[in-house]
Amino acid sequence: MSPVPDDPRSDAQLVAAAAGGETSAFDALFRRHRDWTYRLAYRFTGTDADAWDVLQEAFLYLARRMPSLTLTTSLRTLLFPAIRNLAIKANTKRRKLVAGEELLAALPARSSDQSTDNLLQVLESLGLPHRQVVILRYIDDLSLEEIAEVLAIPLGTAKSRLFHAHRLLRDNPRCRKYFGQ
């Protein structure tokens, strides 16, 4: 079976087409966002099985909203709170709720790669607000506007938190080699 080519339409165009009943448009949205959705769900749940369940539930949520959905923001911004809430629900079911302070615990497990361990240690040194914006910006690849919307904070606050996170990282002795100091 040959791979399905990427649909060149924007997410908004695909949502409009899917809302009109075009199933291939919904399939294209799924293919485009499934890996990101899985990674985010895995970070929130910490288990492969729960991450797959959350992925399925997130796209079922999207499918249920599809008939009346008009995309006015990025699809990731729309899906993020749903994924987070579904992950919390999955964690509650399994009695292993990942608290907000444990956001990094759901990042990939420590490996034998020293640079990965160093990166995780450095991120752990940041406070939760700074850590959240760094993760959303550089791991989830969200824009500052999307970060502000996802965290329900003003854009200026998102910018400020990222600025201060950069400063904290630059001043951290473990980061000096990355900043040429």
Protein backbone atom coordinates (compact mmCIF):
# COMPACT_ATOMS: atom_id res chain seq x y z
CA MET A 1 0.00 0.00 0.00
CA SER A 2 1.53 3.32 -1.03
CA PRO A 3 1.57 6.24 1.43
CA VAL A 4 -1.14 8.86 1.08
CA PRO A 5 0.30 12.19 -0.06
CA ASP A 6 -0.09 15.21 2.21
CA ASP A 7 -3.12 17.32 1.42
CA PRO A 8 -1.93 20.80 0.41
CA ARG A 9 -4.97 22.54 1.92
CA SER A 10 -4.68 24.52 5.15
CA ASP A 11 -6.19 23.18 8.36
CA ALA A 12 -9.03 25.70 8.05
CA GLN A 13 -9.80 24.49 4.52
CA LEU A 14 -9.68 20.86 5.64
CA VAL A 15 -11.98 21.57 8.57
CA ALA A 16 -14.46 23.30 6.26
CA ALA A 17 -14.32 20.36 3.85
CA ALA A 18 -14.71 17.83 6.66
CA ALA A 19 -17.62 19.82 8.10
CA GLY A 20 -19.19 19.49 4.65
CA GLY A 21 -18.89 15.71 4.83
CA GLU A 22 -15.59 15.09 3.01
CA THR A 23 -14.09 12.20 5.00
CA SER A 24 -10.74 12.42 3.22
CA ALA A 25 -10.33 15.94 4.66
CA PHE A 26 -10.76 14.62 8.21
CA ASP A 27 -8.30 11.81 7.41
CA ALA A 28 -5.78 14.43 6.23
CA LEU A 29 -6.20 16.38 9.48
CA PHE A 30 -5.65 13.18 11.44
CA ARG A 31 -2.48 12.29 9.53
CA ARG A 32 -1.15 15.84 9.86
CA HIS A 33 -1.68 16.13 13.64
CA ARG A 34 -1.61 12.58 15.04
CA ASP A 35 2.12 12.49 15.90
CA TRP A 36 1.96 15.83 17.73
CA THR A 37 -1.21 14.73 19.52
CA TYR A 38 0.37 11.45 20.58
CA ARG A 39 3.54 13.16 21.89
CA LEU A 40 1.52 15.66 23.88
CA ALA A 41 -0.77 12.97 25.26
CA TYR A 42 2.24 10.85 26.20
CA ARG A 43 3.82 13.74 28.07
CA PHE A 44 0.62 14.26 30.05
CA THR A 45 -0.12 10.57 30.73
CA GLY A 46 3.32 9.01 30.83
CA THR A 47 2.15 5.75 29.26
CA ASP A 48 1.93 4.54 25.71
CA ALA A 49 -1.51 2.95 26.09
CA ASP A 50 -3.05 6.04 27.69
CA ALA A 51 -1.49 8.28 25.05
CA TRP A 52 -3.08 6.23 22.26
CA ASP A 53 -6.44 6.33 24.06
CA VAL A 54 -6.20 10.10 24.46
CA LEU A 55 -5.28 10.47 20.78
CA GLN A 56 -8.38 8.53 19.77
CA GLU A 57 -10.61 10.46 22.15
CA ALA A 58 -9.20 13.79 20.96
CA PHE A 59 -10.03 13.03 17.34
CA LEU A 60 -13.46 11.70 18.32
CA TYR A 61 -14.02 15.01 20.11
CA LEU A 62 -12.96 16.81 16.93
CA ALA A 63 -15.22 14.63 14.77
CA ARG A 64 -18.22 15.35 17.02
CA ARG A 65 -17.58 19.11 16.73
CA MET A 66 -16.91 18.94 13.00
CA PRO A 67 -20.41 19.56 11.61
CA SER A 68 -20.62 23.01 13.19
CA LEU A 69 -16.91 23.82 13.52
CA THR A 70 -15.39 26.88 11.90
CA LEU A 71 -11.66 27.02 12.59
CA THR A 72 -10.71 30.54 13.73
CA THR A 73 -7.42 29.55 15.39
CA SER A 74 -4.86 26.84 14.76
CA LEU A 75 -6.09 23.27 15.11
CA ARG A 76 -3.39 22.60 17.72
CA THR A 77 -4.69 25.46 19.84
CA LEU A 78 -8.15 23.93 19.63
CA LEU A 79 -6.92 20.41 20.42
CA PHE A 80 -4.48 21.26 23.24
CA PRO A 81 -7.04 21.78 26.04
CA ALA A 82 -9.00 18.73 24.88
CA ILE A 83 -5.86 16.58 24.96
CA ARG A 84 -4.88 17.94 28.37
CA ASN A 85 -8.36 17.31 29.80
CA LEU A 86 -8.61 13.83 28.28
CA ALA A 87 -5.18 12.99 29.69
CA ILE A 88 -6.19 14.16 33.15
CA LYS A 89 -9.30 12.02 32.87
CA ALA A 90 -7.21 9.02 31.78
CA ASN A 91 -4.79 9.56 34.65
CA THR A 92 -7.62 9.85 37.14
CA LYS A 93 -9.05 6.57 35.89
CA ARG A 94 -5.75 4.87 36.50
CA ARG A 95 -5.19 6.68 39.81
CA LYS A 96 -1.97 8.24 38.65
CA LEU A 97 -2.84 11.86 38.06
CA VAL A 98 0.12 13.80 36.72
CA ALA A 99 0.06 17.07 38.65
CA GLY A 100 0.93 20.35 36.95
CA GLU A 101 4.21 20.51 38.91
CA GLU A 102 5.18 17.17 37.38
CA LEU A 103 4.93 18.37 33.77
CA LEU A 104 8.48 17.29 33.04
CA ALA A 105 7.97 13.83 34.49
CA ALA A 106 6.01 12.99 31.36
CA LEU A 107 8.85 13.99 29.04
CA PRO A 108 10.78 11.08 27.53
CA ALA A 109 12.46 8.95 30.16
CA ARG A 110 16.08 9.64 30.96
CA SER A 111 18.35 7.93 28.54
CA SER A 112 22.00 7.04 28.26
CA ASP A 113 22.40 10.17 26.13
CA GLN A 114 24.16 12.66 28.42
CA SER A 115 22.88 15.69 26.50
CA THR A 116 19.26 14.58 26.97
CA ASP A 117 19.85 14.12 30.70
CA ASN A 118 21.44 17.58 30.90
CA LEU A 119 18.54 19.16 29.04
CA LEU A 120 16.00 17.55 31.36
CA GLN A 121 17.94 18.68 34.42
CA VAL A 122 18.09 22.23 33.11
CA LEU A 123 14.36 22.29 32.34
CA GLU A 124 13.62 20.89 35.78
CA SER A 125 15.46 23.89 37.26
CA LEU A 126 12.88 26.30 35.78
CA GLY A 127 9.69 27.15 37.65
CA LEU A 128 6.45 25.76 36.23
CA PRO A 129 5.33 28.94 34.38
CA HIS A 130 8.69 29.28 32.63
CA ARG A 131 8.97 25.56 31.98
CA GLN A 132 5.50 25.49 30.40
CA VAL A 133 6.26 28.23 27.88
CA VAL A 134 9.62 26.69 26.96
CA ILE A 135 8.05 23.27 26.40
CA LEU A 136 5.10 24.67 24.45
CA ARG A 137 7.38 26.86 22.33
CA TYR A 138 10.29 24.52 21.57
CA ILE A 139 8.87 21.03 21.99
CA ASP A 140 5.28 21.57 20.87
CA ASP A 141 6.30 24.27 18.35
CA LEU A 142 3.47 26.63 19.28
CA SER A 143 3.67 30.34 18.48
CA LEU A 144 3.60 32.88 21.30
CA GLU A 145 0.00 33.72 20.38
CA GLU A 146 -0.97 30.04 20.60
CA ILE A 147 0.86 29.67 23.93
CA ALA A 148 -1.03 32.65 25.34
CA GLU A 149 -4.33 31.17 24.17
CA VAL A 150 -3.58 27.66 25.45
CA LEU A 151 -2.46 28.90 28.88
CA ALA A 152 -5.23 31.54 29.00
CA ILE A 153 -2.73 34.33 29.68
CA PRO A 154 -2.14 37.65 27.92
CA LEU A 155 0.30 37.60 24.99
CA GLY A 156 2.61 39.97 26.87
CA THR A 157 2.78 37.51 29.77
CA ALA A 158 3.71 34.66 27.43
CA LYS A 159 6.45 36.82 25.89
CA SER A 160 7.71 37.87 29.30
CA ARG A 161 7.81 34.30 30.60
CA LEU A 162 9.75 33.13 27.55
CA PHE A 163 12.17 36.06 27.86
CA HIS A 164 12.79 35.33 31.53
CA ALA A 165 13.11 31.60 30.86
CA HIS A 166 15.82 32.38 28.29
CA ARG A 167 17.59 34.57 30.83
CA LEU A 168 17.39 31.89 33.51
CA LEU A 169 18.72 29.28 31.11
CA ARG A 170 21.52 31.56 29.92
CA ASP A 171 22.55 32.23 33.55
CA ASN A 172 22.45 28.54 34.48
CA PRO A 173 26.02 27.14 34.66
CA ARG A 174 24.88 23.89 33.04
CA CYS A 175 23.76 25.86 29.95
CA ARG A 176 26.87 27.95 29.40
CA LYS A 177 28.21 25.68 26.66
CA TYR A 178 24.98 26.21 24.69
CA PHE A 179 25.18 30.00 25.00
CA GLY A 180 28.90 30.30 24.23
CA GLN A 181 29.90 31.56 27.69
